[in-house]
């Protein structure tokens, strides 16, 4: 009987501890939710919190605040253009040139790599222009490739050449391609491969972006057989765009400022702003990074 009584008391004590834990868990979740909503309220956007599924949702709402999405809703392309642009995108990828071997390495990193690339490629201008032209530029691209050197890729003006799409017939060019490279996982992956078309068939021509083709030229020394090339050219600035404050703190005027460059510069200057607490600096840093 004594043993049974002890077991009952132990079980009761365990249940009480679980109840206390559950109450505290609910309280902690509520406290976190209130903090998160207070942080969310600092973004001057018209988006219901339950509809903010990702940072992309918030970014899109900032564009709504600029009123630049009115432009994108009015843009009309040939149906083929978005498909060609999608065909050339292979996403982020990594590779190991010397697997399972010890090598001396140097660790390098890029500061704000994605916004830097977008700024160099002048992608920000698309959100402040009234129209976009599709210009074919096969001759221009061929001339660029003939004079291509590694040093040219470090010139700031070269970035403006990057937003191009090229259709080429692969003939031993080193280009990204998708395939099932692992029998164990059977997953589709991306890797660099020497690609060939059957008898230089135009029907087997593929779309690629300038950085991928430029890398192939530098690695193989070969100029690919280009069938077609086009670039999207924004023109005529929208006059009714509005300024907006990122995170409620960092002002951006789309008529006079490059969004990507502004984000990079403001994020780097945050530690110098003495009027901000460390908590606010960390908060804004993360907001600008996203």
C-alpha atoms as a PDB file:
ATOM      1  CA  UNK A   1       0.000   0.000   0.000  1.00  0.00           C
ATOM      2  CA  UNK A   2       2.835   2.353   0.838  1.00  0.00           C
ATOM      3  CA  UNK A   3       4.434   1.681  -2.511  1.00  0.00           C
ATOM      4  CA  UNK A   4       1.154   2.355  -4.307  1.00  0.00           C
ATOM      5  CA  UNK A   5       0.707   5.638  -2.412  1.00  0.00           C
ATOM      6  CA  UNK A   6       4.190   6.774  -3.401  1.00  0.00           C
ATOM      7  CA  UNK A   7       3.489   5.938  -7.028  1.00  0.00           C
ATOM      8  CA  UNK A   8       0.271   7.982  -6.950  1.00  0.00           C
ATOM      9  CA  UNK A   9       2.042  10.973  -5.418  1.00  0.00           C
ATOM     10  CA  UNK A  10       4.866  10.723  -7.965  1.00  0.00           C
ATOM     11  CA  UNK A  11       2.410  10.535 -10.838  1.00  0.00           C
ATOM     12  CA  UNK A  12       0.461  13.523  -9.463  1.00  0.00           C
ATOM     13  CA  UNK A  13       3.692  15.512  -9.098  1.00  0.00           C
ATOM     14  CA  UNK A  14       4.669  14.627 -12.680  1.00  0.00           C
ATOM     15  CA  UNK A  15       1.267  15.741 -13.965  1.00  0.00           C
ATOM     16  CA  UNK A  16       1.530  19.051 -12.137  1.00  0.00           C
ATOM     17  CA  UNK A  17       4.964  19.659 -13.632  1.00  0.00           C
ATOM     18  CA  UNK A  18       3.579  18.968 -17.100  1.00  0.00           C
ATOM     19  CA  UNK A  19       0.680  21.364 -16.495  1.00  0.00           C
ATOM     20  CA  UNK A  20       3.109  24.070 -15.339  1.00  0.00           C
ATOM     21  CA  UNK A  21       5.259  23.444 -18.407  1.00  0.00           C
ATOM     22  CA  UNK A  22       2.245  23.692 -20.733  1.00  0.00           C
ATOM     23  CA  UNK A  23       1.056  26.937 -19.119  1.00  0.00           C
ATOM     24  CA  UNK A  24       4.533  28.433 -19.402  1.00  0.00           C
ATOM     25  CA  UNK A  25       4.818  27.223 -22.995  1.00  0.00           C
ATOM     26  CA  UNK A  26       1.567  28.974 -23.934  1.00  0.00           C
ATOM     27  CA  UNK A  27       2.685  32.145 -22.146  1.00  0.00           C
ATOM     28  CA  UNK A  28       6.091  32.123 -23.865  1.00  0.00           C
ATOM     29  CA  UNK A  29       4.439  31.596 -27.254  1.00  0.00           C
ATOM     30  CA  UNK A  30       2.071  34.515 -26.607  1.00  0.00           C
ATOM     31  CA  UNK A  31       4.951  36.771 -25.497  1.00  0.00           C
ATOM     32  CA  UNK A  32       6.870  35.856 -28.650  1.00  0.00           C
ATOM     33  CA  UNK A  33       3.813  36.521 -30.824  1.00  0.00           C
ATOM     34  CA  UNK A  34       3.310  39.992 -29.299  1.00  0.00           C
ATOM     35  CA  UNK A  35       7.006  40.836 -29.826  1.00  0.00           C
ATOM     36  CA  UNK A  36       6.839  39.607 -33.399  1.00  0.00           C
ATOM     37  CA  UNK A  37       3.695  41.614 -34.146  1.00  0.00           C
ATOM     38  CA  UNK A  38       5.304  44.730 -32.654  1.00  0.00           C
ATOM     39  CA  UNK A  39       8.309  44.173 -34.937  1.00  0.00           C
ATOM     40  CA  UNK A  40       6.043  43.565 -37.918  1.00  0.00           C
ATOM     41  CA  UNK A  41       4.167  46.814 -37.257  1.00  0.00           C
ATOM     42  CA  UNK A  42       7.397  48.757 -37.914  1.00  0.00           C
ATOM     43  CA  UNK A  43       7.177  47.821 -41.597  1.00  0.00           C
ATOM     44  CA  UNK A  44       5.048  50.465 -43.376  1.00  0.00           C
ATOM     45  CA  UNK A  45       3.253  47.918 -45.533  1.00  0.00           C
ATOM     46  CA  UNK A  46      -0.377  47.055 -46.083  1.00  0.00           C
ATOM     47  CA  UNK A  47      -0.200  43.298 -45.556  1.00  0.00           C
ATOM     48  CA  UNK A  48      -2.159  41.280 -43.024  1.00  0.00           C
ATOM     49  CA  UNK A  49       0.344  39.468 -40.744  1.00  0.00           C
ATOM     50  CA  UNK A  50      -1.279  36.097 -41.400  1.00  0.00           C
ATOM     51  CA  UNK A  51      -0.607  36.632 -45.125  1.00  0.00           C
ATOM     52  CA  UNK A  52       3.135  37.244 -44.607  1.00  0.00           C
ATOM     53  CA  UNK A  53       4.237  33.751 -45.576  1.00  0.00           C
ATOM     54  CA  UNK A  54       7.906  34.622 -46.191  1.00  0.00           C
ATOM     55  CA  UNK A  55      10.312  37.559 -46.622  1.00  0.00           C
ATOM     56  CA  UNK A  56       9.218  37.555 -50.284  1.00  0.00           C
ATOM     57  CA  UNK A  57       5.675  38.443 -49.193  1.00  0.00           C
ATOM     58  CA  UNK A  58       7.028  41.435 -47.282  1.00  0.00           C
ATOM     59  CA  UNK A  59       9.279  42.483 -50.169  1.00  0.00           C
ATOM     60  CA  UNK A  60       6.361  42.351 -52.586  1.00  0.00           C
ATOM     61  CA  UNK A  61       4.328  44.526 -50.222  1.00  0.00           C
ATOM     62  CA  UNK A  62       7.111  47.134 -50.222  1.00  0.00           C
ATOM     63  CA  UNK A  63       6.849  47.223 -54.032  1.00  0.00           C
ATOM     64  CA  UNK A  64       3.107  47.726 -53.617  1.00  0.00           C
ATOM     65  CA  UNK A  65       3.971  50.666 -51.362  1.00  0.00           C
ATOM     66  CA  UNK A  66       6.133  52.086 -54.134  1.00  0.00           C
ATOM     67  CA  UNK A  67       3.229  51.436 -56.509  1.00  0.00           C
ATOM     68  CA  UNK A  68       5.716  49.856 -58.919  1.00  0.00           C
ATOM     69  CA  UNK A  69       3.660  46.666 -59.115  1.00  0.00           C
ATOM     70  CA  UNK A  70       1.083  48.605 -61.127  1.00  0.00           C
ATOM     71  CA  UNK A  71       3.704  48.656 -63.844  1.00  0.00           C
ATOM     72  CA  UNK A  72       4.408  44.927 -63.691  1.00  0.00           C
ATOM     73  CA  UNK A  73       0.721  44.109 -63.849  1.00  0.00           C
ATOM     74  CA  UNK A  74       0.561  46.089 -67.112  1.00  0.00           C
ATOM     75  CA  UNK A  75       3.690  44.635 -68.781  1.00  0.00           C
ATOM     76  CA  UNK A  76       2.974  42.302 -71.676  1.00  0.00           C
ATOM     77  CA  UNK A  77       5.578  39.982 -73.197  1.00  0.00           C
ATOM     78  CA  UNK A  78       5.426  37.266 -75.751  1.00  0.00           C
ATOM     79  CA  UNK A  79       4.639  34.081 -73.834  1.00  0.00           C
ATOM     80  CA  UNK A  80       7.986  32.686 -74.923  1.00  0.00           C
ATOM     81  CA  UNK A  81      10.088  35.392 -73.194  1.00  0.00           C
ATOM     82  CA  UNK A  82       9.358  34.377 -69.565  1.00  0.00           C
ATOM     83  CA  UNK A  83       9.888  30.726 -70.526  1.00  0.00           C
ATOM     84  CA  UNK A  84      13.280  31.489 -72.080  1.00  0.00           C
ATOM     85  CA  UNK A  85      14.264  33.408 -68.931  1.00  0.00           C
ATOM     86  CA  UNK A  86      13.159  30.487 -66.751  1.00  0.00           C
ATOM     87  CA  UNK A  87      15.033  27.952 -68.905  1.00  0.00           C
ATOM     88  CA  UNK A  88      18.356  29.691 -68.275  1.00  0.00           C
ATOM     89  CA  UNK A  89      18.030  29.718 -64.459  1.00  0.00           C
ATOM     90  CA  UNK A  90      19.811  26.883 -62.668  1.00  0.00           C
ATOM     91  CA  UNK A  91      19.796  28.367 -59.160  1.00  0.00           C
ATOM     92  CA  UNK A  92      22.512  28.196 -56.532  1.00  0.00           C
ATOM     93  CA  UNK A  93      24.901  25.293 -56.749  1.00  0.00           C
ATOM     94  CA  UNK A  94      28.131  24.081 -55.203  1.00  0.00           C
ATOM     95  CA  UNK A  95      30.868  21.824 -56.499  1.00  0.00           C
ATOM     96  CA  UNK A  96      33.936  19.988 -55.264  1.00  0.00           C
ATOM     97  CA  UNK A  97      36.842  19.903 -57.699  1.00  0.00           C
ATOM     98  CA  UNK A  98      39.058  17.680 -55.539  1.00  0.00           C
ATOM     99  CA  UNK A  99      36.841  15.537 -53.285  1.00  0.00           C
ATOM    100  CA  UNK A 100      38.257  13.433 -50.455  1.00  0.00           C
ATOM    101  CA  UNK A 101      41.687  15.063 -50.609  1.00  0.00           C
ATOM    102  CA  UNK A 102      43.431  17.518 -48.281  1.00  0.00           C
ATOM    103  CA  UNK A 103      44.139  20.874 -49.900  1.00  0.00           C
ATOM    104  CA  UNK A 104      45.183  24.292 -48.651  1.00  0.00           C
ATOM    105  CA  UNK A 105      42.288  26.727 -49.050  1.00  0.00           C
ATOM    106  CA  UNK A 106      41.536  30.401 -48.556  1.00  0.00           C
ATOM    107  CA  UNK A 107      38.112  31.234 -47.142  1.00  0.00           C
ATOM    108  CA  UNK A 108      36.457  34.138 -48.943  1.00  0.00           C
ATOM    109  CA  UNK A 109      33.062  35.753 -48.557  1.00  0.00           C
ATOM    110  CA  UNK A 110      31.030  38.402 -50.363  1.00  0.00           C
ATOM    111  CA  UNK A 111      29.406  41.301 -48.567  1.00  0.00           C
ATOM    112  CA  UNK A 112      25.679  41.331 -49.377  1.00  0.00           C
ATOM    113  CA  UNK A 113      26.289  39.263 -52.501  1.00  0.00           C
ATOM    114  CA  UNK A 114      22.727  39.069 -53.848  1.00  0.00           C
ATOM    115  CA  UNK A 115      21.891  42.785 -53.611  1.00  0.00           C
ATOM    116  CA  UNK A 116      25.385  43.619 -54.923  1.00  0.00           C
ATOM    117  CA  UNK A 117      24.833  41.467 -58.018  1.00  0.00           C
ATOM    118  CA  UNK A 118      21.384  42.992 -58.511  1.00  0.00           C
ATOM    119  CA  UNK A 119      22.814  46.492 -58.228  1.00  0.00           C
ATOM    120  CA  UNK A 120      25.641  45.784 -60.690  1.00  0.00           C
ATOM    121  CA  UNK A 121      23.139  44.269 -63.123  1.00  0.00           C
ATOM    122  CA  UNK A 122      20.926  47.388 -62.711  1.00  0.00           C
ATOM    123  CA  UNK A 123      17.939  45.184 -61.858  1.00  0.00           C
ATOM    124  CA  UNK A 124      16.522  47.893 -59.594  1.00  0.00           C
ATOM    125  CA  UNK A 125      15.709  50.034 -62.617  1.00  0.00           C
ATOM    126  CA  UNK A 126      12.994  47.590 -63.684  1.00  0.00           C
ATOM    127  CA  UNK A 127      10.832  48.566 -60.719  1.00  0.00           C
ATOM    128  CA  UNK A 128      10.891  52.269 -61.558  1.00  0.00           C
ATOM    129  CA  UNK A 129      10.305  52.239 -65.324  1.00  0.00           C
ATOM    130  CA  UNK A 130       7.055  52.506 -67.246  1.00  0.00           C
ATOM    131  CA  UNK A 131       7.934  50.074 -70.024  1.00  0.00           C
ATOM    132  CA  UNK A 132      10.335  47.298 -70.984  1.00  0.00           C
ATOM    133  CA  UNK A 133      11.620  46.534 -74.460  1.00  0.00           C
ATOM    134  CA  UNK A 134      12.863  43.159 -75.697  1.00  0.00           C
ATOM    135  CA  UNK A 135      15.938  43.879 -77.838  1.00  0.00           C
ATOM    136  CA  UNK A 136      17.725  41.165 -79.790  1.00  0.00           C
ATOM    137  CA  UNK A 137      21.492  41.498 -79.415  1.00  0.00           C
ATOM    138  CA  UNK A 138      23.238  38.497 -81.025  1.00  0.00           C
ATOM    139  CA  UNK A 139      25.969  40.587 -82.689  1.00  0.00           C
ATOM    140  CA  UNK A 140      26.629  42.586 -79.512  1.00  0.00           C
ATOM    141  CA  UNK A 141      27.007  39.398 -77.474  1.00  0.00           C
ATOM    142  CA  UNK A 142      29.394  37.773 -79.953  1.00  0.00           C
ATOM    143  CA  UNK A 143      31.615  40.884 -79.867  1.00  0.00           C
ATOM    144  CA  UNK A 144      31.610  40.830 -76.072  1.00  0.00           C
ATOM    145  CA  UNK A 145      32.705  37.186 -75.972  1.00  0.00           C
ATOM    146  CA  UNK A 146      35.553  37.688 -78.443  1.00  0.00           C
ATOM    147  CA  UNK A 147      37.125  40.308 -76.180  1.00  0.00           C
ATOM    148  CA  UNK A 148      36.342  38.534 -72.896  1.00  0.00           C
ATOM    149  CA  UNK A 149      39.086  38.281 -70.244  1.00  0.00           C
ATOM    150  CA  UNK A 150      38.907  37.564 -66.496  1.00  0.00           C
ATOM    151  CA  UNK A 151      39.839  41.193 -65.810  1.00  0.00           C
ATOM    152  CA  UNK A 152      36.808  42.474 -67.729  1.00  0.00           C
ATOM    153  CA  UNK A 153      34.512  40.622 -65.326  1.00  0.00           C
ATOM    154  CA  UNK A 154      35.841  42.776 -62.472  1.00  0.00           C
ATOM    155  CA  UNK A 155      34.822  46.017 -64.221  1.00  0.00           C
ATOM    156  CA  UNK A 156      31.680  47.564 -62.750  1.00  0.00           C
ATOM    157  CA  UNK A 157      30.195  48.374 -66.164  1.00  0.00           C
ATOM    158  CA  UNK A 158      30.350  44.700 -67.167  1.00  0.00           C
ATOM    159  CA  UNK A 159      27.508  43.962 -64.770  1.00  0.00           C
ATOM    160  CA  UNK A 160      25.128  45.874 -67.007  1.00  0.00           C
ATOM    161  CA  UNK A 161      25.868  43.382 -69.789  1.00  0.00           C
ATOM    162  CA  UNK A 162      24.792  40.461 -67.602  1.00  0.00           C
ATOM    163  CA  UNK A 163      20.977  40.558 -67.862  1.00  0.00           C
ATOM    164  CA  UNK A 164      20.988  38.825 -71.241  1.00  0.00           C
ATOM    165  CA  UNK A 165      19.575  35.508 -72.413  1.00  0.00           C
ATOM    166  CA  UNK A 166      21.405  33.527 -75.071  1.00  0.00           C
ATOM    167  CA  UNK A 167      20.302  30.580 -77.166  1.00  0.00           C
ATOM    168  CA  UNK A 168      23.220  28.467 -78.311  1.00  0.00           C
ATOM    169  CA  UNK A 169      23.965  25.098 -79.878  1.00  0.00           C
ATOM    170  CA  UNK A 170      26.284  23.327 -77.422  1.00  0.00           C
ATOM    171  CA  UNK A 171      29.429  21.826 -78.964  1.00  0.00           C
ATOM    172  CA  UNK A 172      31.748  20.860 -76.141  1.00  0.00           C
ATOM    173  CA  UNK A 173      30.906  23.977 -74.125  1.00  0.00           C
ATOM    174  CA  UNK A 174      31.181  23.666 -70.328  1.00  0.00           C
ATOM    175  CA  UNK A 175      27.690  24.583 -69.154  1.00  0.00           C
ATOM    176  CA  UNK A 176      25.320  23.791 -66.285  1.00  0.00           C
ATOM    177  CA  UNK A 177      22.815  21.009 -66.871  1.00  0.00           C
ATOM    178  CA  UNK A 178      20.344  19.051 -64.817  1.00  0.00           C
ATOM    179  CA  UNK A 179      20.588  15.316 -64.382  1.00  0.00           C
ATOM    180  CA  UNK A 180      20.326  12.393 -61.990  1.00  0.00           C
ATOM    181  CA  UNK A 181      23.968  12.049 -61.003  1.00  0.00           C
ATOM    182  CA  UNK A 182      23.446   9.810 -57.970  1.00  0.00           C
ATOM    183  CA  UNK A 183      21.946   6.350 -58.260  1.00  0.00           C
ATOM    184  CA  UNK A 184      21.461   6.300 -54.489  1.00  0.00           C
ATOM    185  CA  UNK A 185      19.197   9.361 -54.244  1.00  0.00           C
ATOM    186  CA  UNK A 186      17.923   9.489 -57.848  1.00  0.00           C
ATOM    187  CA  UNK A 187      17.409  13.237 -57.335  1.00  0.00           C
ATOM    188  CA  UNK A 188      17.749  15.855 -60.052  1.00  0.00           C
ATOM    189  CA  UNK A 189      20.891  17.931 -59.481  1.00  0.00           C
ATOM    190  CA  UNK A 190      22.825  20.644 -61.326  1.00  0.00           C
ATOM    191  CA  UNK A 191      26.425  20.253 -62.461  1.00  0.00           C
ATOM    192  CA  UNK A 192      28.834  21.653 -65.062  1.00  0.00           C
ATOM    193  CA  UNK A 193      29.185  19.326 -68.036  1.00  0.00           C
ATOM    194  CA  UNK A 194      30.621  19.381 -71.536  1.00  0.00           C
ATOM    195  CA  UNK A 195      27.439  19.543 -73.605  1.00  0.00           C
ATOM    196  CA  UNK A 196      27.006  18.495 -77.232  1.00  0.00           C
ATOM    197  CA  UNK A 197      24.128  18.745 -79.677  1.00  0.00           C
ATOM    198  CA  UNK A 198      23.481  16.058 -82.279  1.00  0.00           C
ATOM    199  CA  UNK A 199      25.145  17.195 -85.526  1.00  0.00           C
ATOM    200  CA  UNK A 200      24.850  20.845 -84.473  1.00  0.00           C
ATOM    201  CA  UNK A 201      21.048  20.589 -84.616  1.00  0.00           C
ATOM    202  CA  UNK A 202      19.323  23.934 -84.104  1.00  0.00           C
ATOM    203  CA  UNK A 203      16.401  22.058 -82.574  1.00  0.00           C
ATOM    204  CA  UNK A 204      18.694  21.162 -79.661  1.00  0.00           C
ATOM    205  CA  UNK A 205      19.755  24.755 -78.957  1.00  0.00           C
ATOM    206  CA  UNK A 206      19.467  25.746 -75.285  1.00  0.00           C
ATOM    207  CA  UNK A 207      19.018  29.029 -73.384  1.00  0.00           C
ATOM    208  CA  UNK A 208      21.692  30.180 -70.925  1.00  0.00           C
ATOM    209  CA  UNK A 209      22.573  33.348 -69.005  1.00  0.00           C
ATOM    210  CA  UNK A 210      25.651  35.462 -69.696  1.00  0.00           C
ATOM    211  CA  UNK A 211      27.611  34.457 -66.534  1.00  0.00           C
ATOM    212  CA  UNK A 212      27.324  30.749 -67.384  1.00  0.00           C
ATOM    213  CA  UNK A 213      28.399  31.257 -70.995  1.00  0.00           C
ATOM    214  CA  UNK A 214      31.217  33.633 -69.983  1.00  0.00           C
ATOM    215  CA  UNK A 215      32.544  31.005 -67.560  1.00  0.00           C
ATOM    216  CA  UNK A 216      32.482  28.406 -70.334  1.00  0.00           C
ATOM    217  CA  UNK A 217      34.431  30.690 -72.690  1.00  0.00           C
ATOM    218  CA  UNK A 218      37.104  31.355 -70.054  1.00  0.00           C
ATOM    219  CA  UNK A 219      37.396  27.672 -69.087  1.00  0.00           C
ATOM    220  CA  UNK A 220      37.387  26.179 -72.591  1.00  0.00           C
ATOM    221  CA  UNK A 221      38.675  29.030 -74.758  1.00  0.00           C
ATOM    222  CA  UNK A 222      35.811  28.390 -77.190  1.00  0.00           C
ATOM    223  CA  UNK A 223      33.183  30.835 -78.442  1.00  0.00           C
ATOM    224  CA  UNK A 224      29.826  29.000 -78.544  1.00  0.00           C
ATOM    225  CA  UNK A 225      27.552  28.842 -81.577  1.00  0.00           C
ATOM    226  CA  UNK A 226      24.934  31.488 -80.719  1.00  0.00           C
ATOM    227  CA  UNK A 227      21.560  31.190 -82.432  1.00  0.00           C
ATOM    228  CA  UNK A 228      19.754  34.076 -80.743  1.00  0.00           C
ATOM    229  CA  UNK A 229      20.142  36.528 -77.857  1.00  0.00           C
ATOM    230  CA  UNK A 230      17.919  39.137 -76.272  1.00  0.00           C
ATOM    231  CA  UNK A 231      17.990  41.623 -73.418  1.00  0.00           C
ATOM    232  CA  UNK A 232      15.225  43.329 -71.475  1.00  0.00           C
ATOM    233  CA  UNK A 233      15.650  47.117 -71.542  1.00  0.00           C
ATOM    234  CA  UNK A 234      13.602  49.249 -69.111  1.00  0.00           C
ATOM    235  CA  UNK A 235      12.815  52.792 -70.191  1.00  0.00           C
ATOM    236  CA  UNK A 236      10.701  55.842 -69.299  1.00  0.00           C
ATOM    237  CA  UNK A 237      10.618  56.376 -65.530  1.00  0.00           C
ATOM    238  CA  UNK A 238       7.340  56.175 -63.702  1.00  0.00           C
ATOM    239  CA  UNK A 239       6.431  59.590 -62.311  1.00  0.00           C
ATOM    240  CA  UNK A 240       4.066  58.570 -59.506  1.00  0.00           C
ATOM    241  CA  UNK A 241       6.336  56.313 -57.448  1.00  0.00           C
ATOM    242  CA  UNK A 242       6.349  56.909 -53.699  1.00  0.00           C
ATOM    243  CA  UNK A 243       9.187  56.866 -51.183  1.00  0.00           C
ATOM    244  CA  UNK A 244       9.046  54.257 -48.457  1.00  0.00           C
ATOM    245  CA  UNK A 245      10.962  53.529 -45.244  1.00  0.00           C
ATOM    246  CA  UNK A 246      12.434  50.038 -44.965  1.00  0.00           C
ATOM    247  CA  UNK A 247      11.873  48.672 -41.482  1.00  0.00           C
ATOM    248  CA  UNK A 248      10.333  52.017 -40.638  1.00  0.00           C
ATOM    249  CA  UNK A 249      13.827  53.567 -40.526  1.00  0.00           C
ATOM    250  CA  UNK A 250      15.668  53.537 -43.861  1.00  0.00           C
ATOM    251  CA  UNK A 251      14.137  55.800 -46.500  1.00  0.00           C
ATOM    252  CA  UNK A 252      14.338  54.862 -50.189  1.00  0.00           C
ATOM    253  CA  UNK A 253      13.165  57.035 -53.059  1.00  0.00           C
ATOM    254  CA  UNK A 254      12.787  54.839 -56.177  1.00  0.00           C
ATOM    255  CA  UNK A 255      13.005  57.887 -58.446  1.00  0.00           C
ATOM    256  CA  UNK A 256      16.506  58.840 -57.306  1.00  0.00           C
ATOM    257  CA  UNK A 257      17.984  55.829 -55.477  1.00  0.00           C
ATOM    258  CA  UNK A 258      18.940  52.265 -56.304  1.00  0.00           C
ATOM    259  CA  UNK A 259      17.134  50.061 -53.774  1.00  0.00           C
ATOM    260  CA  UNK A 260      19.856  47.403 -53.687  1.00  0.00           C
ATOM    261  CA  UNK A 261      22.736  49.833 -53.278  1.00  0.00           C
ATOM    262  CA  UNK A 262      20.849  51.769 -50.595  1.00  0.00           C
ATOM    263  CA  UNK A 263      20.208  48.585 -48.611  1.00  0.00           C
ATOM    264  CA  UNK A 264      23.899  47.621 -48.737  1.00  0.00           C
ATOM    265  CA  UNK A 265      25.167  51.068 -47.749  1.00  0.00           C
ATOM    266  CA  UNK A 266      22.628  51.540 -44.958  1.00  0.00           C
ATOM    267  CA  UNK A 267      23.300  48.105 -43.523  1.00  0.00           C
ATOM    268  CA  UNK A 268      27.053  48.804 -43.409  1.00  0.00           C
ATOM    269  CA  UNK A 269      26.539  52.194 -41.753  1.00  0.00           C
ATOM    270  CA  UNK A 270      24.217  50.930 -38.984  1.00  0.00           C
ATOM    271  CA  UNK A 271      26.966  50.446 -36.341  1.00  0.00           C
ATOM    272  CA  UNK A 272      27.894  54.149 -36.749  1.00  0.00           C
ATOM    273  CA  UNK A 273      24.404  55.377 -35.859  1.00  0.00           C
ATOM    274  CA  UNK A 274      24.805  56.395 -32.225  1.00  0.00           C
ATOM    275  CA  UNK A 275      21.111  57.247 -31.805  1.00  0.00           C
ATOM    276  CA  UNK A 276      20.186  53.558 -32.198  1.00  0.00           C
ATOM    277  CA  UNK A 277      20.446  50.999 -29.413  1.00  0.00           C
ATOM    278  CA  UNK A 278      22.283  47.734 -30.047  1.00  0.00           C
ATOM    279  CA  UNK A 279      18.913  45.995 -30.146  1.00  0.00           C
ATOM    280  CA  UNK A 280      17.658  48.362 -32.861  1.00  0.00           C
ATOM    281  CA  UNK A 281      20.899  47.966 -34.847  1.00  0.00           C
ATOM    282  CA  UNK A 282      20.555  44.173 -34.767  1.00  0.00           C
ATOM    283  CA  UNK A 283      16.879  44.424 -35.687  1.00  0.00           C
ATOM    284  CA  UNK A 284      17.487  46.697 -38.674  1.00  0.00           C
ATOM    285  CA  UNK A 285      20.508  44.687 -39.798  1.00  0.00           C
ATOM    286  CA  UNK A 286      18.426  41.527 -40.029  1.00  0.00           C
ATOM    287  CA  UNK A 287      15.533  43.364 -41.701  1.00  0.00           C
ATOM    288  CA  UNK A 288      17.814  44.876 -44.350  1.00  0.00           C
ATOM    289  CA  UNK A 289      19.550  41.535 -44.913  1.00  0.00           C
ATOM    290  CA  UNK A 290      16.220  39.848 -45.600  1.00  0.00           C
END
